Amino acid sequence: PQVNFPLCTIANTPRLPEHCIEYVR
């Protein structure tokens, strides 16, 4: 399955480079 990150994490507390990319996407 596709990997999805919690929206609250990517918007408020990014910890991984993937979080930053998902925020922009």
PDB file of all heavy atoms in Angstrom:
ATOM      1  N   PRO A   1       0.832  -1.207   0.000  1.00  0.00           N
ATOM      2  CA  PRO A   1       0.000   0.000   0.000  1.00  0.00           C
ATOM      3  C   PRO A   1       0.862   1.250   0.000  1.00  0.00           C
ATOM      4  O   PRO A   1       2.009   1.235   0.439  1.00  0.00           O
ATOM      5  CB  PRO A   1      -0.800  -0.120   1.306  1.00  0.00           C
ATOM      6  CG  PRO A   1       0.065  -0.964   2.200  1.00  0.00           C
ATOM      7  CD  PRO A   1       0.761  -1.935   1.282  1.00  0.00           C
ATOM      8  N   GLN A   2       0.297   2.335  -0.493  1.00  0.00           N
ATOM      9  CA  GLN A   2       1.025   3.589  -0.491  1.00  0.00           C
ATOM     10  C   GLN A   2       1.244   4.067   0.935  1.00  0.00           C
ATOM     11  O   GLN A   2       0.399   3.886   1.808  1.00  0.00           O
ATOM     12  CB  GLN A   2       0.245   4.657  -1.274  1.00  0.00           C
ATOM     13  CG  GLN A   2       0.157   4.369  -2.761  1.00  0.00           C
ATOM     14  CD  GLN A   2      -0.515   5.497  -3.515  1.00  0.00           C
ATOM     15  OE1 GLN A   2      -1.078   6.404  -2.923  1.00  0.00           O
ATOM     16  NE2 GLN A   2      -0.452   5.444  -4.823  1.00  0.00           N
ATOM     17  N   VAL A   3       2.417   4.670   1.143  1.00  0.00           N
ATOM     18  CA  VAL A   3       2.742   5.204   2.463  1.00  0.00           C
ATOM     19  C   VAL A   3       2.161   6.610   2.594  1.00  0.00           C
ATOM     20  O   VAL A   3       2.451   7.484   1.775  1.00  0.00           O
ATOM     21  CB  VAL A   3       4.266   5.246   2.681  1.00  0.00           C
ATOM     22  CG1 VAL A   3       4.593   5.876   4.024  1.00  0.00           C
ATOM     23  CG2 VAL A   3       4.848   3.844   2.584  1.00  0.00           C
ATOM     24  N   ASN A   4       1.323   6.827   3.592  1.00  0.00           N
ATOM     25  CA  ASN A   4       0.742   8.135   3.840  1.00  0.00           C
ATOM     26  C   ASN A   4       1.146   8.624   5.231  1.00  0.00           C
ATOM     27  O   ASN A   4       1.102   7.860   6.193  1.00  0.00           O
ATOM     28  CB  ASN A   4      -0.786   8.081   3.734  1.00  0.00           C
ATOM     29  CG  ASN A   4      -1.255   7.769   2.325  1.00  0.00           C
ATOM     30  OD1 ASN A   4      -0.875   8.452   1.397  1.00  0.00           O
ATOM     31  ND2 ASN A   4      -2.068   6.738   2.172  1.00  0.00           N
ATOM     32  N   PHE A   5       1.544   9.884   5.322  1.00  0.00           N
ATOM     33  CA  PHE A   5       1.957  10.460   6.590  1.00  0.00           C
ATOM     34  C   PHE A   5       0.806  11.270   7.177  1.00  0.00           C
ATOM     35  O   PHE A   5       0.041  11.892   6.436  1.00  0.00           O
ATOM     36  CB  PHE A   5       3.176  11.356   6.400  1.00  0.00           C
ATOM     37  CG  PHE A   5       4.371  10.640   5.824  1.00  0.00           C
ATOM     38  CD1 PHE A   5       4.722  10.810   4.491  1.00  0.00           C
ATOM     39  CD2 PHE A   5       5.139   9.796   6.611  1.00  0.00           C
ATOM     40  CE1 PHE A   5       5.815  10.169   3.951  1.00  0.00           C
ATOM     41  CE2 PHE A   5       6.240   9.153   6.086  1.00  0.00           C
ATOM     42  CZ  PHE A   5       6.574   9.332   4.745  1.00  0.00           C
ATOM     43  N   PRO A   6       0.662  11.283   8.524  1.00  0.00           N
ATOM     44  CA  PRO A   6      -0.396  12.088   9.149  1.00  0.00           C
ATOM     45  C   PRO A   6      -0.256  13.557   8.773  1.00  0.00           C
ATOM     46  O   PRO A   6       0.847  14.115   8.785  1.00  0.00           O
ATOM     47  CB  PRO A   6      -0.154  11.870  10.647  1.00  0.00           C
ATOM     48  CG  PRO A   6       0.609  10.581  10.739  1.00  0.00           C
ATOM     49  CD  PRO A   6       1.453  10.527   9.511  1.00  0.00           C
ATOM     50  N   LEU A   7      -1.371  14.168   8.421  1.00  0.00           N
ATOM     51  CA  LEU A   7      -1.347  15.559   7.978  1.00  0.00           C
ATOM     52  C   LEU A   7      -0.820  16.483   9.070  1.00  0.00           C
ATOM     53  O   LEU A   7      -0.106  17.448   8.787  1.00  0.00           O
ATOM     54  CB  LEU A   7      -2.754  15.993   7.553  1.00  0.00           C
ATOM     55  CG  LEU A   7      -2.870  17.381   6.909  1.00  0.00           C
ATOM     56  CD1 LEU A   7      -2.021  17.462   5.660  1.00  0.00           C
ATOM     57  CD2 LEU A   7      -4.324  17.701   6.580  1.00  0.00           C
ATOM     58  N   CYS A   8      -1.157  16.180  10.335  1.00  0.00           N
ATOM     59  CA  CYS A   8      -0.699  17.036  11.432  1.00  0.00           C
ATOM     60  C   CYS A   8       0.826  17.015  11.550  1.00  0.00           C
ATOM     61  O   CYS A   8       1.453  18.010  11.903  1.00  0.00           O
ATOM     62  CB  CYS A   8      -1.338  16.607  12.747  1.00  0.00           C
ATOM     63  SG  CYS A   8      -0.991  14.896  13.205  1.00  0.00           S
ATOM     64  N   THR A   9       1.426  15.867  11.220  1.00  0.00           N
ATOM     65  CA  THR A   9       2.879  15.744  11.298  1.00  0.00           C
ATOM     66  C   THR A   9       3.557  16.549  10.201  1.00  0.00           C
ATOM     67  O   THR A   9       4.493  17.321  10.466  1.00  0.00           O
ATOM     68  CB  THR A   9       3.310  14.268  11.187  1.00  0.00           C
ATOM     69  OG1 THR A   9       2.743  13.525  12.281  1.00  0.00           O
ATOM     70  CG2 THR A   9       4.823  14.141  11.217  1.00  0.00           C
ATOM     71  N   ILE A  10       3.103  16.393   8.969  1.00  0.00           N
ATOM     72  CA  ILE A  10       3.776  17.083   7.873  1.00  0.00           C
ATOM     73  C   ILE A  10       3.538  18.594   7.933  1.00  0.00           C
ATOM     74  O   ILE A  10       4.343  19.376   7.428  1.00  0.00           O
ATOM     75  CB  ILE A  10       3.332  16.528   6.502  1.00  0.00           C
ATOM     76  CG1 ILE A  10       1.848  16.806   6.245  1.00  0.00           C
ATOM     77  CG2 ILE A  10       3.612  15.054   6.397  1.00  0.00           C
ATOM     78  CD1 ILE A  10       1.401  16.393   4.860  1.00  0.00           C
ATOM     79  N   ALA A  11       2.433  19.019   8.573  1.00  0.00           N
ATOM     80  CA  ALA A  11       2.133  20.454   8.632  1.00  0.00           C
ATOM     81  C   ALA A  11       2.784  21.139   9.826  1.00  0.00           C
ATOM     82  O   ALA A  11       3.176  22.309   9.738  1.00  0.00           O
ATOM     83  CB  ALA A  11       0.618  20.669   8.677  1.00  0.00           C
ATOM     84  N   ASN A  12       2.922  20.425  10.948  1.00  0.00           N
ATOM     85  CA  ASN A  12       3.363  21.076  12.194  1.00  0.00           C
ATOM     86  C   ASN A  12       4.705  20.591  12.734  1.00  0.00           C
ATOM     87  O   ASN A  12       5.498  21.400  13.218  1.00  0.00           O
ATOM     88  CB  ASN A  12       2.296  20.881  13.274  1.00  0.00           C
ATOM     89  CG  ASN A  12       0.957  21.449  12.856  1.00  0.00           C
ATOM     90  OD1 ASN A  12       0.874  22.570  12.368  1.00  0.00           O
ATOM     91  ND2 ASN A  12      -0.113  20.677  13.043  1.00  0.00           N
ATOM     92  N   THR A  13       4.963  19.301  12.656  1.00  0.00           N
ATOM     93  CA  THR A  13       6.192  18.766  13.264  1.00  0.00           C
ATOM     94  C   THR A  13       6.924  17.828  12.308  1.00  0.00           C
ATOM     95  O   THR A  13       7.082  16.633  12.582  1.00  0.00           O
ATOM     96  CB  THR A  13       5.861  18.018  14.568  1.00  0.00           C
ATOM     97  OG1 THR A  13       4.896  16.979  14.267  1.00  0.00           O
ATOM     98  CG2 THR A  13       5.327  18.950  15.614  1.00  0.00           C
ATOM     99  N   PRO A  14       7.365  18.324  11.148  1.00  0.00           N
ATOM    100  CA  PRO A  14       8.090  17.449  10.211  1.00  0.00           C
ATOM    101  C   PRO A  14       9.412  16.983  10.802  1.00  0.00           C
ATOM    102  O   PRO A  14      10.120  17.746  11.452  1.00  0.00           O
ATOM    103  CB  PRO A  14       8.309  18.352   8.989  1.00  0.00           C
ATOM    104  CG  PRO A  14       8.295  19.746   9.546  1.00  0.00           C
ATOM    105  CD  PRO A  14       7.291  19.717  10.663  1.00  0.00           C
ATOM    106  N   ARG A  15       9.733  15.705  10.590  1.00  0.00           N
ATOM    107  CA  ARG A  15      10.968  15.152  11.119  1.00  0.00           C
ATOM    108  C   ARG A  15      11.823  14.490  10.033  1.00  0.00           C
ATOM    109  O   ARG A  15      13.007  14.259  10.233  1.00  0.00           O
ATOM    110  CB  ARG A  15      10.662  14.114  12.211  1.00  0.00           C
ATOM    111  CG  ARG A  15       9.918  14.666  13.403  1.00  0.00           C
ATOM    112  CD  ARG A  15       9.705  13.606  14.476  1.00  0.00           C
ATOM    113  NE  ARG A  15       8.902  12.494  13.973  1.00  0.00           N
ATOM    114  CZ  ARG A  15       7.564  12.490  13.951  1.00  0.00           C
ATOM    115  NH1 ARG A  15       6.902  13.558  14.387  1.00  0.00           N
ATOM    116  NH2 ARG A  15       6.897  11.456  13.501  1.00  0.00           N
ATOM    117  N   LEU A  16      11.174  14.167   8.905  1.00  0.00           N
ATOM    118  CA  LEU A  16      11.868  13.469   7.827  1.00  0.00           C
ATOM    119  C   LEU A  16      11.830  14.299   6.549  1.00  0.00           C
ATOM    120  O   LEU A  16      10.937  15.132   6.373  1.00  0.00           O
ATOM    121  CB  LEU A  16      11.201  12.105   7.561  1.00  0.00           C
ATOM    122  CG  LEU A  16      11.124  11.128   8.730  1.00  0.00           C
ATOM    123  CD1 LEU A  16      10.271   9.927   8.341  1.00  0.00           C
ATOM    124  CD2 LEU A  16      12.520  10.682   9.126  1.00  0.00           C
ATOM    125  N   PRO A  17      12.776  14.072   5.641  1.00  0.00           N
ATOM    126  CA  PRO A  17      12.709  14.786   4.353  1.00  0.00           C
ATOM    127  C   PRO A  17      11.415  14.482   3.604  1.00  0.00           C
ATOM    128  O   PRO A  17      10.875  15.332   2.905  1.00  0.00           O
ATOM    129  CB  PRO A  17      13.945  14.282   3.601  1.00  0.00           C
ATOM    130  CG  PRO A  17      14.362  13.028   4.295  1.00  0.00           C
ATOM    131  CD  PRO A  17      13.975  13.208   5.725  1.00  0.00           C
ATOM    132  N   GLU A  18      10.893  13.254   3.794  1.00  0.00           N
ATOM    133  CA  GLU A  18       9.627  12.888   3.156  1.00  0.00           C
ATOM    134  C   GLU A  18       8.479  13.748   3.661  1.00  0.00           C
ATOM    135  O   GLU A  18       7.540  14.055   2.904  1.00  0.00           O
ATOM    136  CB  GLU A  18       9.309  11.406   3.389  1.00  0.00           C
ATOM    137  CG  GLU A  18      10.218  10.429   2.680  1.00  0.00           C
ATOM    138  CD  GLU A  18      11.492  10.116   3.434  1.00  0.00           C
ATOM    139  OE1 GLU A  18      11.762  10.790   4.453  1.00  0.00           O
ATOM    140  OE2 GLU A  18      12.223   9.207   3.022  1.00  0.00           O
ATOM    141  N   HIS A  19       8.531  14.143   4.939  1.00  0.00           N
ATOM    142  CA  HIS A  19       7.487  15.012   5.492  1.00  0.00           C
ATOM    143  C   HIS A  19       7.480  16.357   4.769  1.00  0.00           C
ATOM    144  O   HIS A  19       6.406  16.909   4.478  1.00  0.00           O
ATOM    145  CB  HIS A  19       7.711  15.230   6.992  1.00  0.00           C
ATOM    146  CG  HIS A  19       7.520  13.993   7.805  1.00  0.00           C
ATOM    147  ND1 HIS A  19       7.992  13.891   9.096  1.00  0.00           N
ATOM    148  CD2 HIS A  19       6.931  12.813   7.531  1.00  0.00           C
ATOM    149  CE1 HIS A  19       7.690  12.700   9.581  1.00  0.00           C
ATOM    150  NE2 HIS A  19       7.039  12.025   8.642  1.00  0.00           N
ATOM    151  N   CYS A  20       8.656  16.885   4.485  1.00  0.00           N
ATOM    152  CA  CYS A  20       8.758  18.178   3.797  1.00  0.00           C
ATOM    153  C   CYS A  20       8.214  18.081   2.373  1.00  0.00           C
ATOM    154  O   CYS A  20       7.525  18.991   1.892  1.00  0.00           O
ATOM    155  CB  CYS A  20      10.214  18.641   3.768  1.00  0.00           C
ATOM    156  SG  CYS A  20      10.963  18.818   5.413  1.00  0.00           S
ATOM    157  N   ILE A  21       8.538  16.993   1.709  1.00  0.00           N
ATOM    158  CA  ILE A  21       8.068  16.799   0.334  1.00  0.00           C
ATOM    159  C   ILE A  21       6.553  16.652   0.305  1.00  0.00           C
ATOM    160  O   ILE A  21       5.871  17.235  -0.552  1.00  0.00           O
ATOM    161  CB  ILE A  21       8.758  15.570  -0.298  1.00  0.00           C
ATOM    162  CG1 ILE A  21      10.270  15.795  -0.379  1.00  0.00           C
ATOM    163  CG2 ILE A  21       8.183  15.281  -1.686  1.00  0.00           C
ATOM    164  CD1 ILE A  21      11.062  14.552  -0.723  1.00  0.00           C
ATOM    165  N   GLU A  22       6.004  15.893   1.243  1.00  0.00           N
ATOM    166  CA  GLU A  22       4.556  15.703   1.297  1.00  0.00           C
ATOM    167  C   GLU A  22       3.834  17.007   1.609  1.00  0.00           C
ATOM    168  O   GLU A  22       2.739  17.260   1.102  1.00  0.00           O
ATOM    169  CB  GLU A  22       4.203  14.654   2.366  1.00  0.00           C
ATOM    170  CG  GLU A  22       4.453  13.224   1.933  1.00  0.00           C
ATOM    171  CD  GLU A  22       3.453  12.758   0.888  1.00  0.00           C
ATOM    172  OE1 GLU A  22       3.672  13.033  -0.310  1.00  0.00           O
ATOM    173  OE2 GLU A  22       2.449  12.131   1.261  1.00  0.00           O
ATOM    174  N   TYR A  23       4.451  17.860   2.433  1.00  0.00           N
ATOM    175  CA  TYR A  23       3.850  19.161   2.746  1.00  0.00           C
ATOM    176  C   TYR A  23       3.701  19.993   1.476  1.00  0.00           C
ATOM    177  O   TYR A  23       2.650  20.589   1.227  1.00  0.00           O
ATOM    178  CB  TYR A  23       4.708  19.907   3.768  1.00  0.00           C
ATOM    179  CG  TYR A  23       4.229  21.320   4.044  1.00  0.00           C
ATOM    180  CD1 TYR A  23       3.204  21.557   4.964  1.00  0.00           C
ATOM    181  CD2 TYR A  23       4.795  22.403   3.372  1.00  0.00           C
ATOM    182  CE1 TYR A  23       2.764  22.846   5.207  1.00  0.00           C
ATOM    183  CE2 TYR A  23       4.354  23.691   3.618  1.00  0.00           C
ATOM    184  CZ  TYR A  23       3.336  23.913   4.531  1.00  0.00           C
ATOM    185  OH  TYR A  23       2.881  25.197   4.758  1.00  0.00           O
ATOM    186  N   VAL A  24       4.748  20.010   0.671  1.00  0.00           N
ATOM    187  CA  VAL A  24       4.694  20.778  -0.577  1.00  0.00           C
ATOM    188  C   VAL A  24       3.694  20.145  -1.544  1.00  0.00           C
ATOM    189  O   VAL A  24       2.913  20.850  -2.191  1.00  0.00           O
ATOM    190  CB  VAL A  24       6.087  20.852  -1.231  1.00  0.00           C
ATOM    191  CG1 VAL A  24       6.013  21.571  -2.573  1.00  0.00           C
ATOM    192  CG2 VAL A  24       7.069  21.561  -0.297  1.00  0.00           C
ATOM    193  N   ARG A  25       3.688  18.823  -1.610  1.00  0.00           N
ATOM    194  CA  ARG A  25       2.805  18.120  -2.546  1.00  0.00           C
ATOM    195  C   ARG A  25       1.329  18.308  -2.192  1.00  0.00           C
ATOM    196  O   ARG A  25       0.492  18.567  -3.065  1.00  0.00           O
ATOM    197  CB  ARG A  25       3.133  16.624  -2.564  1.00  0.00           C
ATOM    198  CG  ARG A  25       2.349  15.820  -3.594  1.00  0.00           C
ATOM    199  CD  ARG A  25       2.674  14.340  -3.501  1.00  0.00           C
ATOM    200  NE  ARG A  25       2.092  13.741  -2.310  1.00  0.00           N
ATOM    201  CZ  ARG A  25       0.847  13.251  -2.248  1.00  0.00           C
ATOM    202  NH1 ARG A  25       0.054  13.329  -3.301  1.00  0.00           N
ATOM    203  NH2 ARG A  25       0.399  12.695  -1.138  1.00  0.00           N
TER     204      ARG A  25
END
